[in-house]
């Protein structure tokens, strides 16, 4: 299994992700990723780079084990203290589609379970 091919790429994106994560508290955010950044890190071929990560309180609640791109993004998120703080008490969905648009949707977790 390839190890953390995309981690360096995601770490370069963390300042932008952090900014959009803050803005996503008020409205959904989207920004375009540079496809060549990811292609130079590793060729995903037909499987592509699309994924969804759903997090509650900074913990992934869906299965991302099949996507190295998603796993490495989550690894970069866990290492970023500012981002970890932003994720507390929130439900955050991060997704990347076929057009390389990264979307961030944030909702506050309900205190009522």
PDB file of N, CA and C in Angstrom:
ATOM      1  N   UNK A   1       0.843  -1.199   0.000  1.00  0.00           N
ATOM      2  CA  UNK A   1       0.000   0.000   0.000  1.00  0.00           C
ATOM      3  C   UNK A   1       0.879   1.251   0.000  1.00  0.00           C
ATOM      4  N   UNK A   2       0.559   2.191  -0.844  1.00  0.00           N
ATOM      5  CA  UNK A   2       1.377   3.400  -0.922  1.00  0.00           C
ATOM      6  C   UNK A   2       1.211   4.213   0.368  1.00  0.00           C
ATOM      7  N   UNK A   3       2.294   4.777   0.814  1.00  0.00           N
ATOM      8  CA  UNK A   3       2.261   5.470   2.095  1.00  0.00           C
ATOM      9  C   UNK A   3       2.281   6.983   1.940  1.00  0.00           C
ATOM     10  N   UNK A   4       1.204   7.592   2.306  1.00  0.00           N
ATOM     11  CA  UNK A   4       1.147   9.052   2.459  1.00  0.00           C
ATOM     12  C   UNK A   4       1.676   9.846   1.272  1.00  0.00           C
ATOM     13  N   UNK A   5       1.341   9.408   0.064  1.00  0.00           N
ATOM     14  CA  UNK A   5       1.776  10.104  -1.151  1.00  0.00           C
ATOM     15  C   UNK A   5       1.293  11.542  -1.197  1.00  0.00           C
ATOM     16  N   UNK A   6       0.078  11.757  -0.691  1.00  0.00           N
ATOM     17  CA  UNK A   6      -0.573  13.059  -0.887  1.00  0.00           C
ATOM     18  C   UNK A   6      -0.447  13.974   0.329  1.00  0.00           C
ATOM     19  N   UNK A   7       0.194  13.475   1.382  1.00  0.00           N
ATOM     20  CA  UNK A   7       0.281  14.248   2.629  1.00  0.00           C
ATOM     21  C   UNK A   7       0.985  15.594   2.413  1.00  0.00           C
ATOM     22  N   UNK A   8       2.105  15.593   1.721  1.00  0.00           N
ATOM     23  CA  UNK A   8       2.849  16.836   1.470  1.00  0.00           C
ATOM     24  C   UNK A   8       2.001  17.818   0.674  1.00  0.00           C
ATOM     25  N   UNK A   9       1.290  17.294  -0.314  1.00  0.00           N
ATOM     26  CA  UNK A   9       0.415  18.144  -1.135  1.00  0.00           C
ATOM     27  C   UNK A   9      -0.665  18.775  -0.265  1.00  0.00           C
ATOM     28  N   UNK A  10      -1.319  17.968   0.565  1.00  0.00           N
ATOM     29  CA  UNK A  10      -2.383  18.502   1.427  1.00  0.00           C
ATOM     30  C   UNK A  10      -1.828  19.507   2.423  1.00  0.00           C
ATOM     31  N   UNK A  11      -0.628  19.268   2.933  1.00  0.00           N
ATOM     32  CA  UNK A  11      -0.044  20.224   3.894  1.00  0.00           C
ATOM     33  C   UNK A  11       0.156  21.593   3.252  1.00  0.00           C
ATOM     34  N   UNK A  12       0.491  21.607   1.962  1.00  0.00           N
ATOM     35  CA  UNK A  12       0.625  22.893   1.254  1.00  0.00           C
ATOM     36  C   UNK A  12      -0.723  23.593   1.140  1.00  0.00           C
ATOM     37  N   UNK A  13      -1.794  22.829   1.082  1.00  0.00           N
ATOM     38  CA  UNK A  13      -3.138  23.396   0.965  1.00  0.00           C
ATOM     39  C   UNK A  13      -3.741  23.797   2.320  1.00  0.00           C
ATOM     40  N   UNK A  14      -3.128  23.396   3.434  1.00  0.00           N
ATOM     41  CA  UNK A  14      -3.749  23.626   4.745  1.00  0.00           C
ATOM     42  C   UNK A  14      -4.097  25.092   5.033  1.00  0.00           C
ATOM     43  N   UNK A  15      -3.241  26.066   4.697  1.00  0.00           N
ATOM     44  CA  UNK A  15      -3.651  27.467   4.958  1.00  0.00           C
ATOM     45  C   UNK A  15      -4.951  27.841   4.239  1.00  0.00           C
ATOM     46  N   UNK A  16      -5.116  27.366   3.007  1.00  0.00           N
ATOM     47  CA  UNK A  16      -6.328  27.656   2.231  1.00  0.00           C
ATOM     48  C   UNK A  16      -7.518  26.898   2.828  1.00  0.00           C
ATOM     49  N   UNK A  17      -7.293  25.644   3.185  1.00  0.00           N
ATOM     50  CA  UNK A  17      -8.365  24.847   3.789  1.00  0.00           C
ATOM     51  C   UNK A  17      -8.795  25.466   5.108  1.00  0.00           C
ATOM     52  N   UNK A  18      -7.839  25.908   5.907  1.00  0.00           N
ATOM     53  CA  UNK A  18      -8.137  26.549   7.193  1.00  0.00           C
ATOM     54  C   UNK A  18      -9.020  27.781   6.974  1.00  0.00           C
ATOM     55  N   UNK A  19      -8.664  28.616   6.013  1.00  0.00           N
ATOM     56  CA  UNK A  19      -9.427  29.828   5.700  1.00  0.00           C
ATOM     57  C   UNK A  19     -10.859  29.481   5.283  1.00  0.00           C
ATOM     58  N   UNK A  20     -10.988  28.517   4.364  1.00  0.00           N
ATOM     59  CA  UNK A  20     -12.317  28.137   3.886  1.00  0.00           C
ATOM     60  C   UNK A  20     -13.130  27.422   4.971  1.00  0.00           C
ATOM     61  N   UNK A  21     -12.449  26.719   5.850  1.00  0.00           N
ATOM     62  CA  UNK A  21     -13.143  26.075   6.959  1.00  0.00           C
ATOM     63  C   UNK A  21     -13.763  27.124   7.881  1.00  0.00           C
ATOM     64  N   UNK A  22     -13.012  28.184   8.161  1.00  0.00           N
ATOM     65  CA  UNK A  22     -13.550  29.289   8.975  1.00  0.00           C
ATOM     66  C   UNK A  22     -14.766  29.911   8.290  1.00  0.00           C
ATOM     67  N   UNK A  23     -14.640  30.183   6.993  1.00  0.00           N
ATOM     68  CA  UNK A  23     -15.739  30.797   6.241  1.00  0.00           C
ATOM     69  C   UNK A  23     -16.944  29.868   6.145  1.00  0.00           C
ATOM     70  N   UNK A  24     -16.705  28.546   6.187  1.00  0.00           N
ATOM     71  CA  UNK A  24     -17.801  27.588   6.028  1.00  0.00           C
ATOM     72  C   UNK A  24     -18.743  27.582   7.229  1.00  0.00           C
ATOM     73  N   UNK A  25     -18.351  28.251   8.315  1.00  0.00           N
ATOM     74  CA  UNK A  25     -19.241  28.359   9.475  1.00  0.00           C
ATOM     75  C   UNK A  25     -20.484  29.179   9.098  1.00  0.00           C
ATOM     76  N   UNK A  26     -20.326  30.084   8.124  1.00  0.00           N
ATOM     77  CA  UNK A  26     -21.424  30.941   7.689  1.00  0.00           C
ATOM     78  C   UNK A  26     -22.074  30.491   6.388  1.00  0.00           C
ATOM     79  N   UNK A  27     -21.263  30.003   5.453  1.00  0.00           N
ATOM     80  CA  UNK A  27     -21.820  29.511   4.193  1.00  0.00           C
ATOM     81  C   UNK A  27     -20.891  28.456   3.588  1.00  0.00           C
ATOM     82  N   UNK A  28     -21.481  27.554   2.813  1.00  0.00           N
ATOM     83  CA  UNK A  28     -20.699  26.490   2.182  1.00  0.00           C
ATOM     84  C   UNK A  28     -19.589  27.101   1.329  1.00  0.00           C
ATOM     85  N   UNK A  29     -18.455  26.413   1.297  1.00  0.00           N
ATOM     86  CA  UNK A  29     -17.288  26.924   0.587  1.00  0.00           C
ATOM     87  C   UNK A  29     -16.852  25.962  -0.508  1.00  0.00           C
ATOM     88  N   UNK A  30     -16.259  26.520  -1.555  1.00  0.00           N
ATOM     89  CA  UNK A  30     -15.687  25.712  -2.628  1.00  0.00           C
ATOM     90  C   UNK A  30     -14.446  26.406  -3.151  1.00  0.00           C
ATOM     91  N   UNK A  31     -13.437  25.621  -3.491  1.00  0.00           N
ATOM     92  CA  UNK A  31     -12.309  26.179  -4.226  1.00  0.00           C
ATOM     93  C   UNK A  31     -11.677  25.079  -5.068  1.00  0.00           C
ATOM     94  N   UNK A  32     -11.037  25.501  -6.132  1.00  0.00           N
ATOM     95  CA  UNK A  32     -10.477  24.559  -7.106  1.00  0.00           C
ATOM     96  C   UNK A  32      -9.077  24.142  -6.681  1.00  0.00           C
ATOM     97  N   UNK A  33      -8.846  22.836  -6.719  1.00  0.00           N
ATOM     98  CA  UNK A  33      -7.517  22.294  -6.450  1.00  0.00           C
ATOM     99  C   UNK A  33      -6.747  22.230  -7.770  1.00  0.00           C
ATOM    100  N   UNK A  34      -5.428  22.232  -7.681  1.00  0.00           N
ATOM    101  CA  UNK A  34      -4.595  22.115  -8.868  1.00  0.00           C
ATOM    102  C   UNK A  34      -4.342  20.626  -9.132  1.00  0.00           C
ATOM    103  N   UNK A  35      -4.908  20.127 -10.198  1.00  0.00           N
ATOM    104  CA  UNK A  35      -4.827  18.695 -10.492  1.00  0.00           C
ATOM    105  C   UNK A  35      -3.386  18.204 -10.613  1.00  0.00           C
ATOM    106  N   UNK A  36      -2.500  19.034 -11.138  1.00  0.00           N
ATOM    107  CA  UNK A  36      -1.107  18.592 -11.319  1.00  0.00           C
ATOM    108  C   UNK A  36      -0.404  18.355  -9.991  1.00  0.00           C
ATOM    109  N   UNK A  37      -0.819  19.069  -8.935  1.00  0.00           N
ATOM    110  CA  UNK A  37      -0.245  18.822  -7.600  1.00  0.00           C
ATOM    111  C   UNK A  37      -0.465  17.369  -7.196  1.00  0.00           C
ATOM    112  N   UNK A  38      -1.645  16.856  -7.499  1.00  0.00           N
ATOM    113  CA  UNK A  38      -2.000  15.505  -7.086  1.00  0.00           C
ATOM    114  C   UNK A  38      -1.461  14.456  -8.053  1.00  0.00           C
ATOM    115  N   UNK A  39      -1.470  14.776  -9.341  1.00  0.00           N
ATOM    116  CA  UNK A  39      -0.948  13.822 -10.327  1.00  0.00           C
ATOM    117  C   UNK A  39       0.545  13.598 -10.137  1.00  0.00           C
ATOM    118  N   UNK A  40       1.264  14.646  -9.737  1.00  0.00           N
ATOM    119  CA  UNK A  40       2.703  14.467  -9.523  1.00  0.00           C
ATOM    120  C   UNK A  40       2.980  13.658  -8.253  1.00  0.00           C
ATOM    121  N   UNK A  41       2.042  13.677  -7.309  1.00  0.00           N
ATOM    122  CA  UNK A  41       2.207  12.903  -6.072  1.00  0.00           C
ATOM    123  C   UNK A  41       1.928  11.425  -6.305  1.00  0.00           C
ATOM    124  N   UNK A  42       0.972  11.124  -7.161  1.00  0.00           N
ATOM    125  CA  UNK A  42       0.625   9.724  -7.423  1.00  0.00           C
ATOM    126  C   UNK A  42      -0.486   9.646  -8.440  1.00  0.00           C
ATOM    127  N   UNK A  43      -0.398   8.688  -9.321  1.00  0.00           N
ATOM    128  CA  UNK A  43      -1.395   8.565 -10.377  1.00  0.00           C
ATOM    129  C   UNK A  43      -2.554   7.706  -9.904  1.00  0.00           C
ATOM    130  N   UNK A  44      -3.727   8.286  -9.827  1.00  0.00           N
ATOM    131  CA  UNK A  44      -4.913   7.552  -9.403  1.00  0.00           C
ATOM    132  C   UNK A  44      -5.634   6.924 -10.591  1.00  0.00           C
ATOM    133  N   UNK A  45      -5.228   7.307 -11.797  1.00  0.00           N
ATOM    134  CA  UNK A  45      -5.812   6.708 -12.997  1.00  0.00           C
ATOM    135  C   UNK A  45      -7.315   6.843 -13.042  1.00  0.00           C
ATOM    136  N   UNK A  46      -7.991   5.746 -13.380  1.00  0.00           N
ATOM    137  CA  UNK A  46      -9.443   5.768 -13.533  1.00  0.00           C
ATOM    138  C   UNK A  46     -10.172   6.008 -12.217  1.00  0.00           C
ATOM    139  N   UNK A  47      -9.560   5.576 -11.116  1.00  0.00           N
ATOM    140  CA  UNK A  47     -10.254   5.721  -9.825  1.00  0.00           C
ATOM    141  C   UNK A  47     -10.407   7.196  -9.451  1.00  0.00           C
ATOM    142  N   UNK A  48      -9.536   8.034  -9.995  1.00  0.00           N
ATOM    143  CA  UNK A  48      -9.661   9.467  -9.784  1.00  0.00           C
ATOM    144  C   UNK A  48      -9.352   9.901  -8.366  1.00  0.00           C
ATOM    145  N   UNK A  49      -9.670  11.129  -8.090  1.00  0.00           N
ATOM    146  CA  UNK A  49      -9.335  11.733  -6.804  1.00  0.00           C
ATOM    147  C   UNK A  49     -10.579  12.122  -6.022  1.00  0.00           C
ATOM    148  N   UNK A  50     -11.738  11.667  -6.453  1.00  0.00           N
ATOM    149  CA  UNK A  50     -12.982  12.066  -5.794  1.00  0.00           C
ATOM    150  C   UNK A  50     -13.146  11.336  -4.463  1.00  0.00           C
ATOM    151  N   UNK A  51     -13.667  12.054  -3.470  1.00  0.00           N
ATOM    152  CA  UNK A  51     -13.922  11.456  -2.159  1.00  0.00           C
ATOM    153  C   UNK A  51     -14.845  12.345  -1.339  1.00  0.00           C
ATOM    154  N   UNK A  52     -15.377  11.775  -0.270  1.00  0.00           N
ATOM    155  CA  UNK A  52     -16.147  12.506   0.740  1.00  0.00           C
ATOM    156  C   UNK A  52     -15.583  12.133   2.101  1.00  0.00           C
ATOM    157  N   UNK A  53     -15.380  13.127   2.935  1.00  0.00           N
ATOM    158  CA  UNK A  53     -15.021  12.876   4.337  1.00  0.00           C
ATOM    159  C   UNK A  53     -16.096  13.552   5.179  1.00  0.00           C
ATOM    160  N   UNK A  54     -16.695  12.810   6.076  1.00  0.00           N
ATOM    161  CA  UNK A  54     -17.656  13.381   7.011  1.00  0.00           C
ATOM    162  C   UNK A  54     -17.059  13.269   8.402  1.00  0.00           C
ATOM    163  N   UNK A  55     -16.960  14.405   9.087  1.00  0.00           N
ATOM    164  CA  UNK A  55     -16.348  14.434  10.422  1.00  0.00           C
ATOM    165  C   UNK A  55     -17.311  15.025  11.443  1.00  0.00           C
ATOM    166  N   UNK A  56     -17.311  14.454  12.618  1.00  0.00           N
ATOM    167  CA  UNK A  56     -18.009  15.024  13.771  1.00  0.00           C
ATOM    168  C   UNK A  56     -16.966  15.225  14.850  1.00  0.00           C
ATOM    169  N   UNK A  57     -16.871  16.454  15.361  1.00  0.00           N
ATOM    170  CA  UNK A  57     -15.873  16.769  16.388  1.00  0.00           C
ATOM    171  C   UNK A  57     -14.465  16.400  15.936  1.00  0.00           C
ATOM    172  N   UNK A  58     -14.191  16.518  14.642  1.00  0.00           N
ATOM    173  CA  UNK A  58     -12.856  16.235  14.136  1.00  0.00           C
ATOM    174  C   UNK A  58     -12.550  14.764  13.918  1.00  0.00           C
ATOM    175  N   UNK A  59     -13.529  13.888  14.119  1.00  0.00           N
ATOM    176  CA  UNK A  59     -13.334  12.451  13.908  1.00  0.00           C
ATOM    177  C   UNK A  59     -14.109  12.023  12.661  1.00  0.00           C
ATOM    178  N   UNK A  60     -13.461  11.247  11.811  1.00  0.00           N
ATOM    179  CA  UNK A  60     -14.121  10.759  10.600  1.00  0.00           C
ATOM    180  C   UNK A  60     -15.198   9.754  10.976  1.00  0.00           C
ATOM    181  N   UNK A  61     -16.398   9.923  10.411  1.00  0.00           N
ATOM    182  CA  UNK A  61     -17.503   9.008  10.715  1.00  0.00           C
ATOM    183  C   UNK A  61     -17.905   8.150   9.513  1.00  0.00           C
ATOM    184  N   UNK A  62     -17.304   8.394   8.353  1.00  0.00           N
ATOM    185  CA  UNK A  62     -17.561   7.523   7.203  1.00  0.00           C
ATOM    186  C   UNK A  62     -16.276   6.754   6.861  1.00  0.00           C
ATOM    187  N   UNK A  63     -16.372   5.795   5.966  1.00  0.00           N
ATOM    188  CA  UNK A  63     -15.229   4.958   5.626  1.00  0.00           C
ATOM    189  C   UNK A  63     -14.402   5.621   4.531  1.00  0.00           C
ATOM    190  N   UNK A  64     -13.161   6.004   4.849  1.00  0.00           N
ATOM    191  CA  UNK A  64     -12.278   6.610   3.849  1.00  0.00           C
ATOM    192  C   UNK A  64     -11.089   5.700   3.553  1.00  0.00           C
ATOM    193  N   UNK A  65     -11.147   4.458   4.025  1.00  0.00           N
ATOM    194  CA  UNK A  65      -9.993   3.560   3.887  1.00  0.00           C
ATOM    195  C   UNK A  65      -9.643   3.266   2.422  1.00  0.00           C
ATOM    196  N   UNK A  66     -10.615   3.385   1.527  1.00  0.00           N
ATOM    197  CA  UNK A  66     -10.354   3.097   0.127  1.00  0.00           C
ATOM    198  C   UNK A  66      -9.734   4.243  -0.646  1.00  0.00           C
ATOM    199  N   UNK A  67      -9.579   5.400  -0.021  1.00  0.00           N
ATOM    200  CA  UNK A  67      -9.062   6.570  -0.731  1.00  0.00           C
ATOM    201  C   UNK A  67      -7.816   7.125  -0.043  1.00  0.00           C
ATOM    202  N   UNK A  68      -6.670   6.916  -0.690  1.00  0.00           N
ATOM    203  CA  UNK A  68      -5.415   7.449  -0.148  1.00  0.00           C
ATOM    204  C   UNK A  68      -5.459   8.974  -0.079  1.00  0.00           C
ATOM    205  N   UNK A  69      -6.122   9.592  -1.055  1.00  0.00           N
ATOM    206  CA  UNK A  69      -6.216  11.062  -1.084  1.00  0.00           C
ATOM    207  C   UNK A  69      -6.975  11.553   0.154  1.00  0.00           C
ATOM    208  N   UNK A  70      -8.092  10.909   0.470  1.00  0.00           N
ATOM    209  CA  UNK A  70      -8.893  11.290   1.635  1.00  0.00           C
ATOM    210  C   UNK A  70      -8.149  10.995   2.932  1.00  0.00           C
ATOM    211  N   UNK A  71      -7.514   9.833   3.017  1.00  0.00           N
ATOM    212  CA  UNK A  71      -6.773   9.479   4.241  1.00  0.00           C
ATOM    213  C   UNK A  71      -5.669  10.480   4.520  1.00  0.00           C
ATOM    214  N   UNK A  72      -4.947  10.880   3.484  1.00  0.00           N
ATOM    215  CA  UNK A  72      -3.848  11.821   3.676  1.00  0.00           C
ATOM    216  C   UNK A  72      -4.363  13.215   4.034  1.00  0.00           C
ATOM    217  N   UNK A  73      -5.505  13.605   3.486  1.00  0.00           N
ATOM    218  CA  UNK A  73      -6.105  14.884   3.888  1.00  0.00           C
ATOM    219  C   UNK A  73      -6.449  14.839   5.375  1.00  0.00           C
ATOM    220  N   UNK A  74      -7.068  13.744   5.807  1.00  0.00           N
ATOM    221  CA  UNK A  74      -7.425  13.631   7.226  1.00  0.00           C
ATOM    222  C   UNK A  74      -6.175  13.649   8.105  1.00  0.00           C
ATOM    223  N   UNK A  75      -5.110  13.027   7.660  1.00  0.00           N
ATOM    224  CA  UNK A  75      -3.838  13.032   8.397  1.00  0.00           C
ATOM    225  C   UNK A  75      -3.329  14.470   8.547  1.00  0.00           C
ATOM    226  N   UNK A  76      -3.384  15.241   7.464  1.00  0.00           N
ATOM    227  CA  UNK A  76      -2.940  16.643   7.496  1.00  0.00           C
ATOM    228  C   UNK A  76      -3.821  17.462   8.434  1.00  0.00           C
ATOM    229  N   UNK A  77      -5.129  17.183   8.430  1.00  0.00           N
ATOM    230  CA  UNK A  77      -6.070  17.880   9.313  1.00  0.00           C
ATOM    231  C   UNK A  77      -5.739  17.592  10.777  1.00  0.00           C
ATOM    232  N   UNK A  78      -5.470  16.320  11.084  1.00  0.00           N
ATOM    233  CA  UNK A  78      -5.180  15.934  12.472  1.00  0.00           C
ATOM    234  C   UNK A  78      -3.908  16.589  12.995  1.00  0.00           C
ATOM    235  N   UNK A  79      -2.969  16.905  12.097  1.00  0.00           N
ATOM    236  CA  UNK A  79      -1.693  17.506  12.505  1.00  0.00           C
ATOM    237  C   UNK A  79      -1.777  19.021  12.635  1.00  0.00           C
ATOM    238  N   UNK A  80      -2.870  19.611  12.205  1.00  0.00           N
ATOM    239  CA  UNK A  80      -3.010  21.074  12.215  1.00  0.00           C
ATOM    240  C   UNK A  80      -3.868  21.500  13.406  1.00  0.00           C
ATOM    241  N   UNK A  81      -3.224  22.083  14.415  1.00  0.00           N
ATOM    242  CA  UNK A  81      -3.924  22.446  15.659  1.00  0.00           C
ATOM    243  C   UNK A  81      -5.060  23.443  15.417  1.00  0.00           C
ATOM    244  N   UNK A  82      -4.835  24.422  14.537  1.00  0.00           N
ATOM    245  CA  UNK A  82      -5.868  25.437  14.274  1.00  0.00           C
ATOM    246  C   UNK A  82      -7.094  24.803  13.641  1.00  0.00           C
ATOM    247  N   UNK A  83      -6.883  23.881  12.721  1.00  0.00           N
ATOM    248  CA  UNK A  83      -8.001  23.204  12.065  1.00  0.00           C
ATOM    249  C   UNK A  83      -8.723  22.304  13.068  1.00  0.00           C
ATOM    250  N   UNK A  84      -7.959  21.585  13.886  1.00  0.00           N
ATOM    251  CA  UNK A  84      -8.584  20.721  14.892  1.00  0.00           C
ATOM    252  C   UNK A  84      -9.496  21.531  15.805  1.00  0.00           C
ATOM    253  N   UNK A  85      -9.072  22.731  16.177  1.00  0.00           N
ATOM    254  CA  UNK A  85      -9.894  23.594  17.037  1.00  0.00           C
ATOM    255  C   UNK A  85     -11.182  24.007  16.317  1.00  0.00           C
ATOM    256  N   UNK A  86     -11.071  24.297  15.020  1.00  0.00           N
ATOM    257  CA  UNK A  86     -12.252  24.693  14.239  1.00  0.00           C
ATOM    258  C   UNK A  86     -13.279  23.567  14.129  1.00  0.00           C
ATOM    259  N   UNK A  87     -12.819  22.326  14.208  1.00  0.00           N
ATOM    260  CA  UNK A  87     -13.706  21.180  14.008  1.00  0.00           C
ATOM    261  C   UNK A  87     -14.486  20.788  15.258  1.00  0.00           C
ATOM    262  N   UNK A  88     -14.115  21.342  16.406  1.00  0.00           N
ATOM    263  CA  UNK A  88     -14.796  20.975  17.645  1.00  0.00           C
ATOM    264  C   UNK A  88     -16.262  21.397  17.595  1.00  0.00           C
ATOM    265  N   UNK A  89     -17.145  20.508  18.064  1.00  0.00           N
ATOM    266  CA  UNK A  89     -18.594  20.749  18.112  1.00  0.00           C
ATOM    267  C   UNK A  89     -19.213  21.031  16.750  1.00  0.00           C
ATOM    268  N   UNK A  90     -18.573  20.525  15.699  1.00  0.00           N
ATOM    269  CA  UNK A  90     -19.097  20.762  14.356  1.00  0.00           C
ATOM    270  C   UNK A  90     -19.166  19.453  13.581  1.00  0.00           C
ATOM    271  N   UNK A  91     -20.057  19.454  12.616  1.00  0.00           N
ATOM    272  CA  UNK A  91     -20.167  18.374  11.653  1.00  0.00           C
ATOM    273  C   UNK A  91     -19.668  18.969  10.348  1.00  0.00           C
ATOM    274  N   UNK A  92     -18.595  18.422   9.797  1.00  0.00           N
ATOM    275  CA  UNK A  92     -17.985  18.983   8.594  1.00  0.00           C
ATOM    276  C   UNK A  92     -17.914  17.909   7.514  1.00  0.00           C
ATOM    277  N   UNK A  93     -18.365  18.285   6.323  1.00  0.00           N
ATOM    278  CA  UNK A  93     -18.239  17.386   5.183  1.00  0.00           C
ATOM    279  C   UNK A  93     -17.317  18.044   4.165  1.00  0.00           C
ATOM    280  N   UNK A  94     -16.249  17.339   3.829  1.00  0.00           N
ATOM    281  CA  UNK A  94     -15.309  17.816   2.818  1.00  0.00           C
ATOM    282  C   UNK A  94     -15.376  16.829   1.664  1.00  0.00           C
ATOM    283  N   UNK A  95     -15.545  17.349   0.472  1.00  0.00           N
ATOM    284  CA  UNK A  95     -15.604  16.457  -0.685  1.00  0.00           C
ATOM    285  C   UNK A  95     -14.847  17.070  -1.855  1.00  0.00           C
ATOM    286  N   UNK A  96     -14.348  16.188  -2.699  1.00  0.00           N
ATOM    287  CA  UNK A  96     -13.708  16.597  -3.946  1.00  0.00           C
ATOM    288  C   UNK A  96     -14.388  15.818  -5.060  1.00  0.00           C
ATOM    289  N   UNK A  97     -14.845  16.551  -6.071  1.00  0.00           N
ATOM    290  CA  UNK A  97     -15.522  15.918  -7.198  1.00  0.00           C
ATOM    291  C   UNK A  97     -14.601  15.781  -8.394  1.00  0.00           C
ATOM    292  N   UNK A  98     -15.160  15.317  -9.484  1.00  0.00           N
ATOM    293  CA  UNK A  98     -14.387  15.069 -10.706  1.00  0.00           C
ATOM    294  C   UNK A  98     -13.756  16.340 -11.285  1.00  0.00           C
ATOM    295  N   UNK A  99     -14.325  17.497 -11.000  1.00  0.00           N
ATOM    296  CA  UNK A  99     -13.786  18.744 -11.543  1.00  0.00           C
ATOM    297  C   UNK A  99     -12.702  19.340 -10.637  1.00  0.00           C
ATOM    298  N   UNK A 100     -12.285  18.579  -9.612  1.00  0.00           N
ATOM    299  CA  UNK A 100     -11.255  19.009  -8.676  1.00  0.00           C
ATOM    300  C   UNK A 100     -11.670  20.216  -7.838  1.00  0.00           C
ATOM    301  N   UNK A 101     -12.979  20.323  -7.609  1.00  0.00           N
ATOM    302  CA  UNK A 101     -13.495  21.372  -6.750  1.00  0.00           C
ATOM    303  C   UNK A 101     -13.617  20.789  -5.345  1.00  0.00           C
ATOM    304  N   UNK A 102     -12.942  21.399  -4.394  1.00  0.00           N
ATOM    305  CA  UNK A 102     -13.052  20.954  -3.005  1.00  0.00           C
ATOM    306  C   UNK A 102     -14.184  21.736  -2.360  1.00  0.00           C
ATOM    307  N   UNK A 103     -15.125  21.027  -1.748  1.00  0.00           N
ATOM    308  CA  UNK A 103     -16.276  21.656  -1.105  1.00  0.00           C
ATOM    309  C   UNK A 103     -16.219  21.396   0.391  1.00  0.00           C
ATOM    310  N   UNK A 104     -16.571  22.417   1.166  1.00  0.00           N
ATOM    311  CA  UNK A 104     -16.628  22.277   2.622  1.00  0.00           C
ATOM    312  C   UNK A 104     -17.999  22.751   3.086  1.00  0.00           C
ATOM    313  N   UNK A 105     -18.695  21.872   3.793  1.00  0.00           N
ATOM    314  CA  UNK A 105     -20.011  22.200   4.335  1.00  0.00           C
ATOM    315  C   UNK A 105     -19.941  21.950   5.836  1.00  0.00           C
ATOM    316  N   UNK A 106     -20.250  22.964   6.637  1.00  0.00           N
ATOM    317  CA  UNK A 106     -20.151  22.849   8.087  1.00  0.00           C
ATOM    318  C   UNK A 106     -21.503  23.102   8.741  1.00  0.00           C
ATOM    319  N   UNK A 107     -21.860  22.243   9.683  1.00  0.00           N
ATOM    320  CA  UNK A 107     -23.043  22.476  10.501  1.00  0.00           C
ATOM    321  C   UNK A 107     -22.632  22.282  11.962  1.00  0.00           C
ATOM    322  N   UNK A 108     -23.294  22.979  12.851  1.00  0.00           N
ATOM    323  CA  UNK A 108     -23.000  22.833  14.266  1.00  0.00           C
ATOM    324  C   UNK A 108     -23.687  21.582  14.778  1.00  0.00           C
ATOM    325  N   UNK A 109     -22.968  20.846  15.599  1.00  0.00           N
ATOM    326  CA  UNK A 109     -23.569  19.647  16.188  1.00  0.00           C
ATOM    327  C   UNK A 109     -24.629  20.054  17.199  1.00  0.00           C
ATOM    328  N   UNK A 110     -25.711  19.348  17.191  1.00  0.00           N
ATOM    329  CA  UNK A 110     -26.766  19.610  18.147  1.00  0.00           C
ATOM    330  C   UNK A 110     -26.339  19.128  19.528  1.00  0.00           C
ATOM    331  N   UNK A 111     -26.699  19.851  20.529  1.00  0.00           N
ATOM    332  CA  UNK A 111     -26.390  19.435  21.902  1.00  0.00           C
ATOM    333  C   UNK A 111     -27.316  18.296  22.311  1.00  0.00           C
ATOM    334  N   UNK A 112     -28.394  18.125  21.545  1.00  0.00           N
ATOM    335  CA  UNK A 112     -29.384  17.083  21.858  1.00  0.00           C
ATOM    336  C   UNK A 112     -29.100  15.861  21.020  1.00  0.00           C
ATOM    337  N   UNK A 113     -28.930  14.736  21.682  1.00  0.00           N
ATOM    338  CA  UNK A 113     -28.660  13.488  20.941  1.00  0.00           C
ATOM    339  C   UNK A 113     -29.862  12.572  21.028  1.00  0.00           C
TER     340      UNK A 113
END
